[in-house]
Amino acid sequence: QTTGLVRALRGFPCPPAVIVAACAFSVLFSIAVGAGFGLKAGNRFQQPVPRWSSISSAPPGVNFGGWLVLEDWFYSGPGGRHVMSVNASGQGVCLPPMVQGLQETWPSEGVLVDRLRAARGDKETVDIFEAHRHAYIGSEDFGKVAGLGIETVRIPIPWQTFADALEDFDPKAYGSGAKIVPDPFYKK
């Protein structure tokens, strides 16, 4: 029997193994990886959080945003000026490594997926997202972060990871065979 999370991962535009690995990194980083890199393990909720400036020159944590959760301002190129969307057209102009420039900016991942599907088809859209997920953050990045003395990595996980909750709403779109999971709130 397939678990809900595994069914959701099948519909996510990324191989399930990559998302499972990302979840494992997120949950086990300070224990499994941290021990190998000399990071502190423990329950952060039981220990007071020291001020960054009082312990070292490295911040206590880093965010790996833009890897699994796409926000337009991460991909705004030299034209981006804000760390948030300030209008409906957005700032996104690329999705490396396969999409280096688009004619029209994108404000959200839902809009980007819709436009890529219309222009390039489902298969190439899946390939674009898989290439991004594989190239944006790698295991060597975790080693570099630990080498800088950073002890915590935050990995935002997208709602699509749990898309199986919507399977009753639309089994074809959110079921186990889906390759692209549409945003149910996105309207053209």
C-alpha atoms as a PDB file:
ATOM      1  CA  GLN A   1       0.000   0.000   0.000  1.00  0.00           C
ATOM      2  CA  THR A   2       1.271   3.442  -0.921  1.00  0.00           C
ATOM      3  CA  THR A   3       1.440   6.103   1.775  1.00  0.00           C
ATOM      4  CA  GLY A   4      -0.130   9.502   1.183  1.00  0.00           C
ATOM      5  CA  LEU A   5       3.268  11.208   1.114  1.00  0.00           C
ATOM      6  CA  VAL A   6       4.659   8.815  -1.481  1.00  0.00           C
ATOM      7  CA  ARG A   7       1.523   9.248  -3.635  1.00  0.00           C
ATOM      8  CA  ALA A   8       1.938  13.014  -3.366  1.00  0.00           C
ATOM      9  CA  LEU A   9       5.572  12.794  -4.340  1.00  0.00           C
ATOM     10  CA  ARG A  10       4.661  10.870  -7.490  1.00  0.00           C
ATOM     11  CA  GLY A  11       2.583  13.851  -8.613  1.00  0.00           C
ATOM     12  CA  PHE A  12       5.265  16.397  -7.778  1.00  0.00           C
ATOM     13  CA  PRO A  13       7.269  17.710 -10.754  1.00  0.00           C
ATOM     14  CA  CYS A  14      10.429  16.187  -9.351  1.00  0.00           C
ATOM     15  CA  PRO A  15      11.510  12.583  -8.791  1.00  0.00           C
ATOM     16  CA  PRO A  16      10.157  11.322  -5.461  1.00  0.00           C
ATOM     17  CA  ALA A  17      13.649  10.245  -4.415  1.00  0.00           C
ATOM     18  CA  VAL A  18      14.836  13.868  -4.557  1.00  0.00           C
ATOM     19  CA  ILE A  19      11.995  15.098  -2.353  1.00  0.00           C
ATOM     20  CA  VAL A  20      12.399  12.213   0.087  1.00  0.00           C
ATOM     21  CA  ALA A  21      16.102  13.053   0.268  1.00  0.00           C
ATOM     22  CA  ALA A  22      15.289  16.731   0.868  1.00  0.00           C
ATOM     23  CA  CYS A  23      12.871  15.820   3.649  1.00  0.00           C
ATOM     24  CA  ALA A  24      15.477  13.529   5.178  1.00  0.00           C
ATOM     25  CA  PHE A  25      18.061  16.299   5.042  1.00  0.00           C
ATOM     26  CA  SER A  26      15.595  18.707   6.624  1.00  0.00           C
ATOM     27  CA  VAL A  27      14.653  16.396   9.492  1.00  0.00           C
ATOM     28  CA  LEU A  28      17.957  14.650  10.100  1.00  0.00           C
ATOM     29  CA  PHE A  29      20.535  17.306   9.189  1.00  0.00           C
ATOM     30  CA  SER A  30      21.703  18.127  12.705  1.00  0.00           C
ATOM     31  CA  ILE A  31      21.803  14.446  13.685  1.00  0.00           C
ATOM     32  CA  ALA A  32      22.944  12.358  10.698  1.00  0.00           C
ATOM     33  CA  VAL A  33      24.850  14.914   8.648  1.00  0.00           C
ATOM     34  CA  GLY A  34      25.695  17.123  11.597  1.00  0.00           C
ATOM     35  CA  ALA A  35      27.615  14.407  13.362  1.00  0.00           C
ATOM     36  CA  GLY A  36      29.779  13.866  10.278  1.00  0.00           C
ATOM     37  CA  PHE A  37      30.560  17.565   9.966  1.00  0.00           C
ATOM     38  CA  GLY A  38      30.918  18.257  13.684  1.00  0.00           C
ATOM     39  CA  LEU A  39      27.627  20.115  14.038  1.00  0.00           C
ATOM     40  CA  LYS A  40      25.814  20.242  17.342  1.00  0.00           C
ATOM     41  CA  ALA A  41      22.895  17.869  17.742  1.00  0.00           C
ATOM     42  CA  GLY A  42      20.061  18.343  20.159  1.00  0.00           C
ATOM     43  CA  ASN A  43      16.608  19.682  20.637  1.00  0.00           C
ATOM     44  CA  ARG A  44      16.699  23.377  19.834  1.00  0.00           C
ATOM     45  CA  PHE A  45      13.450  23.900  21.733  1.00  0.00           C
ATOM     46  CA  GLN A  46      15.078  22.851  25.015  1.00  0.00           C
ATOM     47  CA  GLN A  47      18.088  25.133  24.676  1.00  0.00           C
ATOM     48  CA  PRO A  48      18.126  28.932  24.663  1.00  0.00           C
ATOM     49  CA  VAL A  49      19.177  30.305  21.289  1.00  0.00           C
ATOM     50  CA  PRO A  50      22.365  32.356  21.740  1.00  0.00           C
ATOM     51  CA  ARG A  51      22.755  35.629  19.918  1.00  0.00           C
ATOM     52  CA  TRP A  52      24.584  35.163  16.638  1.00  0.00           C
ATOM     53  CA  SER A  53      27.107  37.921  17.315  1.00  0.00           C
ATOM     54  CA  SER A  54      28.030  36.446  20.702  1.00  0.00           C
ATOM     55  CA  ILE A  55      29.088  32.979  19.472  1.00  0.00           C
ATOM     56  CA  SER A  56      30.959  33.231  16.216  1.00  0.00           C
ATOM     57  CA  SER A  57      31.272  34.964  12.902  1.00  0.00           C
ATOM     58  CA  ALA A  58      28.834  32.497  11.293  1.00  0.00           C
ATOM     59  CA  PRO A  59      25.058  32.840  11.572  1.00  0.00           C
ATOM     60  CA  PRO A  60      23.381  29.927  13.380  1.00  0.00           C
ATOM     61  CA  GLY A  61      21.277  28.973  10.351  1.00  0.00           C
ATOM     62  CA  VAL A  62      20.656  29.408   6.658  1.00  0.00           C
ATOM     63  CA  ASN A  63      17.567  29.086   4.463  1.00  0.00           C
ATOM     64  CA  PHE A  64      17.700  26.991   1.282  1.00  0.00           C
ATOM     65  CA  GLY A  65      14.759  28.868  -0.218  1.00  0.00           C
ATOM     66  CA  GLY A  66      14.229  28.836  -3.946  1.00  0.00           C
ATOM     67  CA  TRP A  67      15.115  25.150  -4.254  1.00  0.00           C
ATOM     68  CA  LEU A  68      11.806  23.376  -3.686  1.00  0.00           C
ATOM     69  CA  VAL A  69       9.558  26.412  -3.215  1.00  0.00           C
ATOM     70  CA  LEU A  70       9.878  28.884  -6.070  1.00  0.00           C
ATOM     71  CA  GLU A  71       9.402  32.580  -5.446  1.00  0.00           C
ATOM     72  CA  ASP A  72       9.686  34.973  -8.345  1.00  0.00           C
ATOM     73  CA  TRP A  73      12.156  37.340  -6.706  1.00  0.00           C
ATOM     74  CA  PHE A  74      14.753  34.552  -6.379  1.00  0.00           C
ATOM     75  CA  TYR A  75      14.795  34.376 -10.186  1.00  0.00           C
ATOM     76  CA  SER A  76      14.455  38.031 -11.108  1.00  0.00           C
ATOM     77  CA  GLY A  77      17.899  38.527 -12.642  1.00  0.00           C
ATOM     78  CA  PRO A  78      19.423  42.000 -12.809  1.00  0.00           C
ATOM     79  CA  GLY A  79      15.981  43.600 -13.215  1.00  0.00           C
ATOM     80  CA  GLY A  80      14.752  42.460  -9.799  1.00  0.00           C
ATOM     81  CA  ARG A  81      14.545  45.161  -7.182  1.00  0.00           C
ATOM     82  CA  HIS A  82      12.346  43.749  -4.411  1.00  0.00           C
ATOM     83  CA  VAL A  83      12.443  40.743  -2.094  1.00  0.00           C
ATOM     84  CA  MET A  84       8.738  40.141  -2.687  1.00  0.00           C
ATOM     85  CA  SER A  85       6.213  40.428  -5.477  1.00  0.00           C
ATOM     86  CA  VAL A  86       5.025  44.013  -5.660  1.00  0.00           C
ATOM     87  CA  ASN A  87       2.565  43.622  -8.540  1.00  0.00           C
ATOM     88  CA  ALA A  88       0.599  40.965 -10.416  1.00  0.00           C
ATOM     89  CA  SER A  89       3.203  40.544 -13.172  1.00  0.00           C
ATOM     90  CA  GLY A  90       5.954  39.442 -10.759  1.00  0.00           C
ATOM     91  CA  GLN A  91       9.714  39.546 -11.273  1.00  0.00           C
ATOM     92  CA  GLY A  92      10.669  35.985 -12.296  1.00  0.00           C
ATOM     93  CA  VAL A  93      12.535  35.812 -15.604  1.00  0.00           C
ATOM     94  CA  CYS A  94      14.369  32.462 -15.417  1.00  0.00           C
ATOM     95  CA  LEU A  95      14.559  29.021 -13.822  1.00  0.00           C
ATOM     96  CA  PRO A  96      18.139  27.781 -14.108  1.00  0.00           C
ATOM     97  CA  PRO A  97      19.687  25.766 -15.531  1.00  0.00           C
ATOM     98  CA  MET A  98      17.329  25.167 -18.479  1.00  0.00           C
ATOM     99  CA  VAL A  99      15.340  28.426 -18.601  1.00  0.00           C
ATOM    100  CA  GLN A 100      17.709  31.371 -18.786  1.00  0.00           C
ATOM    101  CA  GLY A 101      15.254  34.040 -19.882  1.00  0.00           C
ATOM    102  CA  LEU A 102      11.569  34.451 -20.578  1.00  0.00           C
ATOM    103  CA  GLN A 103       9.764  37.121 -22.571  1.00  0.00           C
ATOM    104  CA  GLU A 104       7.219  37.649 -19.790  1.00  0.00           C
ATOM    105  CA  THR A 105       7.884  37.764 -16.036  1.00  0.00           C
ATOM    106  CA  TRP A 106       6.183  35.263 -13.739  1.00  0.00           C
ATOM    107  CA  PRO A 107       4.738  36.077 -10.287  1.00  0.00           C
ATOM    108  CA  SER A 108       4.325  32.550  -8.894  1.00  0.00           C
ATOM    109  CA  GLU A 109       5.230  28.926  -9.428  1.00  0.00           C
ATOM    110  CA  GLY A 110       1.652  28.208 -10.561  1.00  0.00           C
ATOM    111  CA  VAL A 111       1.864  30.837 -13.301  1.00  0.00           C
ATOM    112  CA  LEU A 112       5.330  29.635 -14.336  1.00  0.00           C
ATOM    113  CA  VAL A 113       4.146  26.014 -14.620  1.00  0.00           C
ATOM    114  CA  ASP A 114       1.089  27.039 -16.624  1.00  0.00           C
ATOM    115  CA  ARG A 115       3.138  29.117 -19.060  1.00  0.00           C
ATOM    116  CA  LEU A 116       5.845  26.483 -19.489  1.00  0.00           C
ATOM    117  CA  ARG A 117       3.228  23.792 -20.134  1.00  0.00           C
ATOM    118  CA  ALA A 118       1.539  25.971 -22.760  1.00  0.00           C
ATOM    119  CA  ALA A 119       4.810  26.900 -24.492  1.00  0.00           C
ATOM    120  CA  ARG A 120       6.867  23.709 -24.106  1.00  0.00           C
ATOM    121  CA  GLY A 121       4.526  20.887 -23.131  1.00  0.00           C
ATOM    122  CA  ASP A 122       4.295  18.684 -20.055  1.00  0.00           C
ATOM    123  CA  LYS A 123       7.427  16.607 -20.626  1.00  0.00           C
ATOM    124  CA  GLU A 124       9.760  19.579 -21.070  1.00  0.00           C
ATOM    125  CA  THR A 125       8.148  21.356 -18.105  1.00  0.00           C
ATOM    126  CA  VAL A 126       8.864  18.315 -15.911  1.00  0.00           C
ATOM    127  CA  ASP A 127      12.433  18.184 -17.304  1.00  0.00           C
ATOM    128  CA  ILE A 128      12.937  21.892 -16.486  1.00  0.00           C
ATOM    129  CA  PHE A 129      11.818  21.440 -12.883  1.00  0.00           C
ATOM    130  CA  GLU A 130      13.835  18.255 -12.407  1.00  0.00           C
ATOM    131  CA  ALA A 131      16.964  19.972 -13.756  1.00  0.00           C
ATOM    132  CA  HIS A 132      16.426  22.876 -11.365  1.00  0.00           C
ATOM    133  CA  ARG A 133      15.881  20.617  -8.337  1.00  0.00           C
ATOM    134  CA  HIS A 134      19.030  18.620  -9.144  1.00  0.00           C
ATOM    135  CA  ALA A 135      21.275  21.620  -9.891  1.00  0.00           C
ATOM    136  CA  TYR A 136      20.202  24.310  -7.410  1.00  0.00           C
ATOM    137  CA  ILE A 137      21.259  22.625  -4.140  1.00  0.00           C
ATOM    138  CA  GLY A 138      23.471  19.539  -3.850  1.00  0.00           C
ATOM    139  CA  SER A 139      25.072  17.505  -1.089  1.00  0.00           C
ATOM    140  CA  GLU A 140      28.285  19.527  -1.478  1.00  0.00           C
ATOM    141  CA  ASP A 141      26.329  22.631  -0.446  1.00  0.00           C
ATOM    142  CA  PHE A 142      25.525  21.066   2.912  1.00  0.00           C
ATOM    143  CA  GLY A 143      29.239  20.400   3.455  1.00  0.00           C
ATOM    144  CA  LYS A 144      30.127  23.985   2.569  1.00  0.00           C
ATOM    145  CA  VAL A 145      27.466  25.339   4.928  1.00  0.00           C
ATOM    146  CA  ALA A 146      28.749  23.167   7.779  1.00  0.00           C
ATOM    147  CA  GLY A 147      32.329  24.173   6.937  1.00  0.00           C
ATOM    148  CA  LEU A 148      31.328  27.795   7.497  1.00  0.00           C
ATOM    149  CA  GLY A 149      30.169  26.944  11.010  1.00  0.00           C
ATOM    150  CA  ILE A 150      26.464  27.179  10.199  1.00  0.00           C
ATOM    151  CA  GLU A 151      24.559  24.685  12.329  1.00  0.00           C
ATOM    152  CA  THR A 152      21.002  24.745  10.973  1.00  0.00           C
ATOM    153  CA  VAL A 153      19.542  24.512   7.470  1.00  0.00           C
ATOM    154  CA  ARG A 154      15.917  25.415   6.782  1.00  0.00           C
ATOM    155  CA  ILE A 155      14.445  23.719   3.714  1.00  0.00           C
ATOM    156  CA  PRO A 156      10.977  25.032   2.826  1.00  0.00           C
ATOM    157  CA  ILE A 157       8.769  22.188   1.584  1.00  0.00           C
ATOM    158  CA  PRO A 158       6.043  23.072  -0.961  1.00  0.00           C
ATOM    159  CA  TRP A 159       2.364  22.270  -0.569  1.00  0.00           C
ATOM    160  CA  GLN A 160       2.602  19.940  -3.595  1.00  0.00           C
ATOM    161  CA  THR A 161       4.456  17.467  -1.393  1.00  0.00           C
ATOM    162  CA  PHE A 162       1.100  16.780   0.259  1.00  0.00           C
ATOM    163  CA  ALA A 163      -1.083  17.042  -2.854  1.00  0.00           C
ATOM    164  CA  ASP A 164      -2.628  13.637  -2.157  1.00  0.00           C
ATOM    165  CA  ALA A 165      -4.962  15.464   0.229  1.00  0.00           C
ATOM    166  CA  LEU A 166      -6.647  16.818  -2.934  1.00  0.00           C
ATOM    167  CA  GLU A 167      -6.934  13.435  -4.677  1.00  0.00           C
ATOM    168  CA  ASP A 168     -10.681  13.184  -3.928  1.00  0.00           C
ATOM    169  CA  PHE A 169     -11.149  16.626  -5.482  1.00  0.00           C
ATOM    170  CA  ASP A 170      -9.516  15.598  -8.792  1.00  0.00           C
ATOM    171  CA  PRO A 171      -7.987  12.078  -8.941  1.00  0.00           C
ATOM    172  CA  LYS A 172      -6.415  12.639 -12.360  1.00  0.00           C
ATOM    173  CA  ALA A 173      -4.654  15.889 -11.387  1.00  0.00           C
ATOM    174  CA  TYR A 174      -3.619  14.898  -7.856  1.00  0.00           C
ATOM    175  CA  GLY A 175      -3.527  11.088  -8.029  1.00  0.00           C
ATOM    176  CA  SER A 176      -0.553   8.771  -8.054  1.00  0.00           C
ATOM    177  CA  GLY A 177       0.078   9.000 -11.822  1.00  0.00           C
ATOM    178  CA  ALA A 178       0.239  12.802 -12.013  1.00  0.00           C
ATOM    179  CA  LYS A 179       3.529  14.325 -13.172  1.00  0.00           C
ATOM    180  CA  ILE A 180       2.557  17.982 -12.738  1.00  0.00           C
ATOM    181  CA  VAL A 181       0.428  19.024  -9.784  1.00  0.00           C
ATOM    182  CA  PRO A 182      -1.644  22.108 -10.627  1.00  0.00           C
ATOM    183  CA  ASP A 183      -2.257  24.787  -8.018  1.00  0.00           C
ATOM    184  CA  PRO A 184      -5.987  24.499  -7.229  1.00  0.00           C
ATOM    185  CA  PHE A 185      -6.196  28.230  -6.460  1.00  0.00           C
ATOM    186  CA  TYR A 186      -4.453  29.448  -9.613  1.00  0.00           C
ATOM    187  CA  LYS A 187      -6.848  31.103 -12.035  1.00  0.00           C
ATOM    188  CA  LYS A 188      -5.925  32.405 -15.487  1.00  0.00           C
END
